[in-house]
Amino acid sequence: MLTLSTTQLWVHDQDEALAFWTEKVGFEVKEDVTVPEMGNFRWLTVGPKGSSGCAVVLMAIPGAPVMDDATRAEVTQLMGKGFAGALFFTTEDAYATYDALAAKGVEFTDKPTEQPYGIDFGFRDPSGNTVRVSQRTPMG
């Protein structure tokens, strides 16, 4: 049996991303390790407080040899448009979650809206990644 342990978001600046996800979204650091043998590669993950489930890797956009300059520029451009990564979260109360995030300074792409599948809203992180939050309604 497979278990999803991490998912990844490309980020422009790991420290900026860390501050956003911990201070504004309320996640906690799961791992923050620098590996000198890999050119000081930083493995940085965050996730909901107290959760032992899936964590989000806040991955710096690499240069060569992983990505050439043209590919790195393409990824950066897609991030700015909100198309290089997306996360989907669920919550028990979309309105309360929206209000709590707004109080911490999160800027939204849209307000909670009733949809056929529940109540949904979105925001983007400082690197431009899309985040959707839903209070799901059982379907069919």
N, C-alpha and C. Protein backbone atom coordinates (compact mmCIF):
# COMPACT_ATOMS: atom_id res chain seq x y z
N MET A 1 0.85 -1.19 0.00
CA MET A 1 0.00 0.00 0.00
C MET A 1 0.88 1.24 0.00
N LEU A 2 0.54 2.19 -0.83
CA LEU A 2 1.28 3.44 -0.90
C LEU A 2 0.61 4.50 -0.04
N THR A 3 1.43 5.35 0.54
CA THR A 3 0.94 6.48 1.33
C THR A 3 1.60 7.74 0.80
N LEU A 4 0.81 8.78 0.54
CA LEU A 4 1.37 10.05 0.09
C LEU A 4 2.02 10.74 1.28
N SER A 5 3.31 11.03 1.18
CA SER A 5 4.02 11.65 2.30
C SER A 5 4.27 13.13 2.10
N THR A 6 4.56 13.53 0.86
CA THR A 6 4.82 14.95 0.58
C THR A 6 4.28 15.31 -0.79
N THR A 7 4.01 16.59 -0.93
CA THR A 7 3.72 17.18 -2.22
C THR A 7 4.59 18.42 -2.30
N GLN A 8 4.85 18.94 -3.47
CA GLN A 8 5.84 20.00 -3.64
C GLN A 8 5.26 21.25 -4.27
N LEU A 9 5.73 22.39 -3.78
CA LEU A 9 5.48 23.67 -4.43
C LEU A 9 6.83 24.30 -4.74
N TRP A 10 6.99 24.81 -5.96
CA TRP A 10 8.17 25.61 -6.27
C TRP A 10 8.00 26.95 -5.57
N VAL A 11 9.06 27.47 -4.99
CA VAL A 11 9.01 28.78 -4.34
C VAL A 11 10.20 29.62 -4.76
N HIS A 12 10.00 30.92 -4.81
CA HIS A 12 11.08 31.84 -5.18
C HIS A 12 12.10 31.97 -4.05
N ASP A 13 11.60 31.96 -2.81
CA ASP A 13 12.45 32.20 -1.65
C ASP A 13 11.93 31.31 -0.51
N GLN A 14 12.74 30.37 -0.08
CA GLN A 14 12.29 29.43 0.94
C GLN A 14 11.97 30.11 2.27
N ASP A 15 12.76 31.12 2.65
CA ASP A 15 12.48 31.80 3.93
C ASP A 15 11.17 32.59 3.86
N GLU A 16 10.92 33.25 2.74
CA GLU A 16 9.66 33.97 2.55
C GLU A 16 8.48 32.99 2.57
N ALA A 17 8.64 31.86 1.87
CA ALA A 17 7.59 30.84 1.85
C ALA A 17 7.36 30.27 3.24
N LEU A 18 8.43 30.02 3.97
CA LEU A 18 8.31 29.50 5.33
C LEU A 18 7.53 30.46 6.22
N ALA A 19 7.85 31.74 6.14
CA ALA A 19 7.13 32.73 6.95
C ALA A 19 5.65 32.76 6.58
N PHE A 20 5.33 32.73 5.30
CA PHE A 20 3.93 32.76 4.87
C PHE A 20 3.17 31.55 5.41
N TRP A 21 3.71 30.35 5.17
CA TRP A 21 2.99 29.13 5.54
C TRP A 21 2.90 28.93 7.04
N THR A 22 3.87 29.41 7.81
CA THR A 22 3.80 29.24 9.26
C THR A 22 3.07 30.41 9.94
N GLU A 23 3.37 31.63 9.55
CA GLU A 23 2.80 32.79 10.23
C GLU A 23 1.40 33.15 9.75
N LYS A 24 1.12 32.99 8.47
CA LYS A 24 -0.19 33.38 7.94
C LYS A 24 -1.15 32.21 7.82
N VAL A 25 -0.67 31.07 7.34
CA VAL A 25 -1.57 29.93 7.18
C VAL A 25 -1.67 29.12 8.46
N GLY A 26 -0.64 29.18 9.31
CA GLY A 26 -0.69 28.50 10.59
C GLY A 26 -0.12 27.08 10.58
N PHE A 27 0.64 26.75 9.55
CA PHE A 27 1.28 25.43 9.50
C PHE A 27 2.50 25.44 10.42
N GLU A 28 3.06 24.26 10.63
CA GLU A 28 4.29 24.14 11.40
C GLU A 28 5.37 23.51 10.52
N VAL A 29 6.62 23.74 10.90
CA VAL A 29 7.74 23.13 10.19
C VAL A 29 7.75 21.64 10.53
N LYS A 30 7.81 20.82 9.50
CA LYS A 30 7.93 19.37 9.70
C LYS A 30 9.40 18.96 9.60
N GLU A 31 10.09 19.49 8.58
CA GLU A 31 11.52 19.23 8.41
C GLU A 31 12.18 20.47 7.82
N ASP A 32 13.38 20.78 8.28
CA ASP A 32 14.18 21.86 7.71
C ASP A 32 15.64 21.41 7.82
N VAL A 33 16.12 20.79 6.74
CA VAL A 33 17.43 20.17 6.76
C VAL A 33 18.24 20.69 5.57
N THR A 34 19.48 21.08 5.83
CA THR A 34 20.40 21.46 4.77
C THR A 34 21.41 20.33 4.60
N VAL A 35 21.63 19.94 3.34
CA VAL A 35 22.51 18.81 3.04
C VAL A 35 23.77 19.33 2.34
N PRO A 36 24.87 19.49 3.09
CA PRO A 36 26.11 20.02 2.50
C PRO A 36 26.62 19.19 1.33
N GLU A 37 26.46 17.87 1.40
CA GLU A 37 26.95 16.99 0.34
C GLU A 37 26.23 17.20 -0.99
N MET A 38 25.12 17.89 -0.95
CA MET A 38 24.35 18.16 -2.18
C MET A 38 24.33 19.66 -2.48
N GLY A 39 25.46 20.32 -2.23
CA GLY A 39 25.57 21.75 -2.53
C GLY A 39 24.71 22.61 -1.64
N ASN A 40 24.55 22.21 -0.37
CA ASN A 40 23.72 22.90 0.62
C ASN A 40 22.25 22.93 0.22
N PHE A 41 21.82 21.85 -0.42
CA PHE A 41 20.40 21.66 -0.76
C PHE A 41 19.58 21.72 0.53
N ARG A 42 18.48 22.47 0.51
CA ARG A 42 17.61 22.63 1.69
C ARG A 42 16.30 21.90 1.46
N TRP A 43 16.02 20.93 2.32
CA TRP A 43 14.76 20.18 2.33
C TRP A 43 13.89 20.81 3.40
N LEU A 44 12.85 21.53 2.97
CA LEU A 44 12.00 22.28 3.88
C LEU A 44 10.56 21.86 3.68
N THR A 45 9.94 21.30 4.73
CA THR A 45 8.55 20.90 4.63
C THR A 45 7.73 21.51 5.76
N VAL A 46 6.46 21.78 5.44
CA VAL A 46 5.51 22.32 6.41
C VAL A 46 4.21 21.53 6.29
N GLY A 47 3.39 21.62 7.32
CA GLY A 47 2.09 20.97 7.28
C GLY A 47 1.22 21.44 8.43
N PRO A 48 -0.04 21.04 8.42
CA PRO A 48 -0.94 21.44 9.50
C PRO A 48 -0.39 21.04 10.87
N LYS A 49 -0.57 21.92 11.84
CA LYS A 49 -0.09 21.64 13.19
C LYS A 49 -0.70 20.36 13.73
N GLY A 50 0.16 19.53 14.30
CA GLY A 50 -0.29 18.30 14.92
C GLY A 50 -0.60 17.17 13.96
N SER A 51 -0.50 17.43 12.66
CA SER A 51 -0.81 16.41 11.66
C SER A 51 0.42 15.57 11.35
N SER A 52 0.21 14.29 11.23
CA SER A 52 1.31 13.42 10.82
C SER A 52 1.14 12.99 9.37
N GLY A 53 0.18 13.59 8.68
CA GLY A 53 -0.10 13.23 7.29
C GLY A 53 0.84 13.91 6.34
N CYS A 54 0.38 14.14 5.16
CA CYS A 54 1.15 14.70 4.06
C CYS A 54 1.70 16.09 4.40
N ALA A 55 2.95 16.33 4.05
CA ALA A 55 3.59 17.63 4.24
C ALA A 55 3.81 18.28 2.87
N VAL A 56 3.98 19.59 2.88
CA VAL A 56 4.25 20.35 1.66
C VAL A 56 5.73 20.71 1.63
N VAL A 57 6.43 20.29 0.56
CA VAL A 57 7.82 20.65 0.37
C VAL A 57 7.86 22.04 -0.27
N LEU A 58 8.55 22.97 0.37
CA LEU A 58 8.74 24.30 -0.18
C LEU A 58 10.09 24.28 -0.90
N MET A 59 10.06 23.99 -2.19
CA MET A 59 11.25 23.69 -2.97
C MET A 59 11.72 24.90 -3.76
N ALA A 60 12.94 25.31 -3.48
CA ALA A 60 13.54 26.41 -4.26
C ALA A 60 13.69 25.97 -5.71
N ILE A 61 13.45 26.89 -6.62
CA ILE A 61 13.61 26.57 -8.05
C ILE A 61 15.10 26.36 -8.30
N PRO A 62 15.48 25.18 -8.74
CA PRO A 62 16.91 24.90 -8.91
C PRO A 62 17.47 25.47 -10.21
N GLY A 63 18.77 25.65 -10.21
CA GLY A 63 19.48 26.01 -11.43
C GLY A 63 20.11 24.76 -12.01
N ALA A 64 21.16 24.97 -12.79
CA ALA A 64 21.88 23.83 -13.41
C ALA A 64 22.51 22.97 -12.30
N PRO A 65 22.60 21.71 -12.43
CA PRO A 65 22.28 20.91 -13.61
C PRO A 65 20.84 20.42 -13.66
N VAL A 66 20.03 20.73 -12.63
CA VAL A 66 18.64 20.25 -12.61
C VAL A 66 17.81 20.95 -13.67
N MET A 67 17.91 22.27 -13.75
CA MET A 67 17.19 23.05 -14.76
C MET A 67 18.15 24.00 -15.45
N ASP A 68 18.04 24.09 -16.77
CA ASP A 68 18.81 25.10 -17.47
C ASP A 68 18.11 26.45 -17.28
N ASP A 69 18.75 27.52 -17.69
CA ASP A 69 18.21 28.87 -17.47
C ASP A 69 16.84 29.06 -18.13
N ALA A 70 16.66 28.51 -19.32
CA ALA A 70 15.39 28.67 -20.04
C ALA A 70 14.25 27.97 -19.30
N THR A 71 14.51 26.77 -18.81
CA THR A 71 13.48 26.02 -18.07
C THR A 71 13.15 26.72 -16.76
N ARG A 72 14.18 27.18 -16.08
CA ARG A 72 13.97 27.90 -14.81
C ARG A 72 13.12 29.14 -15.06
N ALA A 73 13.38 29.87 -16.14
CA ALA A 73 12.59 31.06 -16.48
C ALA A 73 11.14 30.69 -16.79
N GLU A 74 10.93 29.58 -17.47
CA GLU A 74 9.56 29.13 -17.78
C GLU A 74 8.80 28.78 -16.50
N VAL A 75 9.44 28.05 -15.60
CA VAL A 75 8.80 27.69 -14.33
C VAL A 75 8.45 28.95 -13.54
N THR A 76 9.39 29.89 -13.48
CA THR A 76 9.15 31.15 -12.77
C THR A 76 7.98 31.91 -13.38
N GLN A 77 7.90 31.93 -14.71
CA GLN A 77 6.79 32.63 -15.38
C GLN A 77 5.46 31.95 -15.08
N LEU A 78 5.42 30.62 -15.13
CA LEU A 78 4.19 29.90 -14.82
C LEU A 78 3.77 30.12 -13.37
N MET A 79 4.73 30.18 -12.46
CA MET A 79 4.41 30.44 -11.05
C MET A 79 3.70 31.79 -10.91
N GLY A 80 4.21 32.79 -11.60
CA GLY A 80 3.62 34.12 -11.53
C GLY A 80 2.19 34.17 -12.02
N LYS A 81 1.82 33.21 -12.85
CA LYS A 81 0.45 33.12 -13.36
C LYS A 81 -0.41 32.17 -12.54
N GLY A 82 0.19 31.52 -11.55
CA GLY A 82 -0.56 30.59 -10.71
C GLY A 82 -0.71 29.20 -11.30
N PHE A 83 0.18 28.82 -12.23
CA PHE A 83 0.02 27.54 -12.91
C PHE A 83 1.18 26.56 -12.73
N ALA A 84 2.06 26.80 -11.78
CA ALA A 84 3.18 25.88 -11.59
C ALA A 84 2.93 24.92 -10.44
N GLY A 85 1.90 25.16 -9.66
CA GLY A 85 1.58 24.28 -8.54
C GLY A 85 0.25 24.68 -7.94
N ALA A 86 -0.42 23.73 -7.36
CA ALA A 86 -1.70 24.00 -6.71
C ALA A 86 -1.87 23.05 -5.54
N LEU A 87 -2.49 23.56 -4.49
CA LEU A 87 -2.84 22.74 -3.34
C LEU A 87 -4.33 22.87 -3.11
N PHE A 88 -4.95 21.78 -2.69
CA PHE A 88 -6.38 21.77 -2.39
C PHE A 88 -6.57 21.28 -0.97
N PHE A 89 -7.19 22.12 -0.13
CA PHE A 89 -7.43 21.77 1.26
C PHE A 89 -8.93 21.70 1.52
N THR A 90 -9.30 20.95 2.54
CA THR A 90 -10.68 20.94 3.00
C THR A 90 -10.72 21.51 4.42
N THR A 91 -11.87 22.01 4.80
CA THR A 91 -12.08 22.57 6.12
C THR A 91 -13.50 22.27 6.56
N GLU A 92 -13.73 22.28 7.83
CA GLU A 92 -15.08 22.05 8.37
C GLU A 92 -15.96 23.29 8.23
N ASP A 93 -15.33 24.49 8.21
CA ASP A 93 -16.09 25.75 8.16
C ASP A 93 -15.34 26.74 7.27
N ALA A 94 -15.75 26.85 6.03
CA ALA A 94 -15.06 27.71 5.06
C ALA A 94 -15.06 29.17 5.48
N TYR A 95 -16.18 29.64 6.01
CA TYR A 95 -16.27 31.05 6.39
C TYR A 95 -15.34 31.37 7.55
N ALA A 96 -15.28 30.51 8.57
CA ALA A 96 -14.39 30.72 9.71
C ALA A 96 -12.93 30.64 9.29
N THR A 97 -12.61 29.70 8.41
CA THR A 97 -11.23 29.56 7.92
C THR A 97 -10.83 30.79 7.12
N TYR A 98 -11.72 31.26 6.27
CA TYR A 98 -11.47 32.47 5.48
C TYR A 98 -11.20 33.66 6.41
N ASP A 99 -12.05 33.83 7.42
CA ASP A 99 -11.89 34.95 8.35
C ASP A 99 -10.58 34.85 9.13
N ALA A 100 -10.19 33.64 9.55
CA ALA A 100 -8.95 33.46 10.30
C ALA A 100 -7.73 33.77 9.43
N LEU A 101 -7.76 33.32 8.17
CA LEU A 101 -6.66 33.62 7.26
C LEU A 101 -6.60 35.11 6.92
N ALA A 102 -7.76 35.72 6.71
CA ALA A 102 -7.81 37.16 6.40
C ALA A 102 -7.23 37.97 7.56
N ALA A 103 -7.52 37.56 8.79
CA ALA A 103 -7.02 38.27 9.97
C ALA A 103 -5.49 38.21 10.05
N LYS A 104 -4.89 37.21 9.41
CA LYS A 104 -3.42 37.08 9.41
C LYS A 104 -2.79 37.70 8.17
N GLY A 105 -3.61 38.30 7.32
CA GLY A 105 -3.08 39.03 6.18
C GLY A 105 -3.00 38.27 4.87
N VAL A 106 -3.63 37.10 4.79
CA VAL A 106 -3.64 36.36 3.53
C VAL A 106 -4.48 37.14 2.53
N GLU A 107 -3.98 37.27 1.30
CA GLU A 107 -4.71 37.94 0.23
C GLU A 107 -5.36 36.88 -0.65
N PHE A 108 -6.64 37.06 -0.94
CA PHE A 108 -7.44 36.05 -1.61
C PHE A 108 -7.66 36.35 -3.08
N THR A 109 -7.83 35.28 -3.86
CA THR A 109 -8.21 35.43 -5.26
C THR A 109 -9.73 35.48 -5.38
N ASP A 110 -10.42 34.90 -4.41
CA ASP A 110 -11.88 35.00 -4.37
C ASP A 110 -12.38 34.66 -2.97
N LYS A 111 -13.58 35.15 -2.68
CA LYS A 111 -14.21 34.94 -1.37
C LYS A 111 -14.95 33.61 -1.36
N PRO A 112 -15.34 33.14 -0.17
CA PRO A 112 -16.12 31.90 -0.11
C PRO A 112 -17.38 32.02 -0.97
N THR A 113 -17.56 31.01 -1.82
CA THR A 113 -18.67 30.98 -2.76
C THR A 113 -19.30 29.60 -2.73
N GLU A 114 -20.62 29.56 -2.73
CA GLU A 114 -21.30 28.27 -2.77
C GLU A 114 -21.18 27.66 -4.16
N GLN A 115 -20.76 26.42 -4.20
CA GLN A 115 -20.57 25.65 -5.42
C GLN A 115 -21.38 24.36 -5.30
N PRO A 116 -21.57 23.61 -6.36
CA PRO A 116 -22.30 22.34 -6.26
C PRO A 116 -21.64 21.34 -5.29
N TYR A 117 -20.33 21.46 -5.09
CA TYR A 117 -19.60 20.53 -4.22
C TYR A 117 -19.39 21.07 -2.81
N GLY A 118 -19.80 22.30 -2.54
CA GLY A 118 -19.64 22.88 -1.21
C GLY A 118 -19.32 24.36 -1.30
N ILE A 119 -18.65 24.87 -0.28
CA ILE A 119 -18.25 26.28 -0.22
C ILE A 119 -16.75 26.33 -0.48
N ASP A 120 -16.32 27.22 -1.38
CA ASP A 120 -14.96 27.20 -1.88
C ASP A 120 -14.40 28.62 -1.95
N PHE A 121 -13.10 28.78 -1.64
CA PHE A 121 -12.41 30.05 -1.85
C PHE A 121 -10.95 29.77 -2.18
N GLY A 122 -10.24 30.81 -2.64
CA GLY A 122 -8.86 30.61 -3.04
C GLY A 122 -7.95 31.75 -2.66
N PHE A 123 -6.66 31.43 -2.60
CA PHE A 123 -5.62 32.43 -2.42
C PHE A 123 -4.36 31.94 -3.10
N ARG A 124 -3.35 32.82 -3.18
CA ARG A 124 -2.06 32.44 -3.75
C ARG A 124 -0.98 32.75 -2.74
N ASP A 125 0.08 31.93 -2.74
CA ASP A 125 1.20 32.17 -1.83
C ASP A 125 2.12 33.23 -2.45
N PRO A 126 3.14 33.68 -1.73
CA PRO A 126 4.02 34.73 -2.27
C PRO A 126 4.73 34.35 -3.57
N SER A 127 4.85 33.06 -3.88
CA SER A 127 5.48 32.63 -5.13
C SER A 127 4.48 32.50 -6.27
N GLY A 128 3.21 32.71 -5.99
CA GLY A 128 2.18 32.65 -7.02
C GLY A 128 1.43 31.34 -7.12
N ASN A 129 1.75 30.37 -6.26
CA ASN A 129 1.06 29.08 -6.30
C ASN A 129 -0.40 29.22 -5.88
N THR A 130 -1.26 28.50 -6.56
CA THR A 130 -2.70 28.53 -6.30
C THR A 130 -3.04 27.62 -5.13
N VAL A 131 -3.89 28.13 -4.23
CA VAL A 131 -4.39 27.34 -3.10
C VAL A 131 -5.91 27.46 -3.09
N ARG A 132 -6.58 26.33 -3.02
CA ARG A 132 -8.05 26.29 -2.92
C ARG A 132 -8.42 25.65 -1.59
N VAL A 133 -9.47 26.18 -0.97
CA VAL A 133 -9.97 25.65 0.29
C VAL A 133 -11.46 25.40 0.12
N SER A 134 -11.91 24.20 0.49
CA SER A 134 -13.32 23.84 0.31
C SER A 134 -13.90 23.24 1.57
N GLN A 135 -15.12 23.62 1.84
CA GLN A 135 -15.97 22.92 2.81
C GLN A 135 -16.86 22.04 1.96
N ARG A 136 -16.52 20.78 1.91
CA ARG A 136 -17.16 19.87 0.95
C ARG A 136 -18.55 19.45 1.38
N THR A 137 -19.43 19.31 0.40
CA THR A 137 -20.76 18.76 0.57
C THR A 137 -20.77 17.37 -0.06
N PRO A 138 -21.27 16.36 0.64
CA PRO A 138 -21.31 15.03 0.02
C PRO A 138 -22.05 15.09 -1.32
N MET A 139 -21.48 14.46 -2.32
CA MET A 139 -22.08 14.47 -3.65
C MET A 139 -22.58 13.07 -3.99
N GLY A 140 -23.77 13.04 -4.60
CA GLY A 140 -24.37 11.83 -5.14
C GLY A 140 -24.34 10.73 -4.22
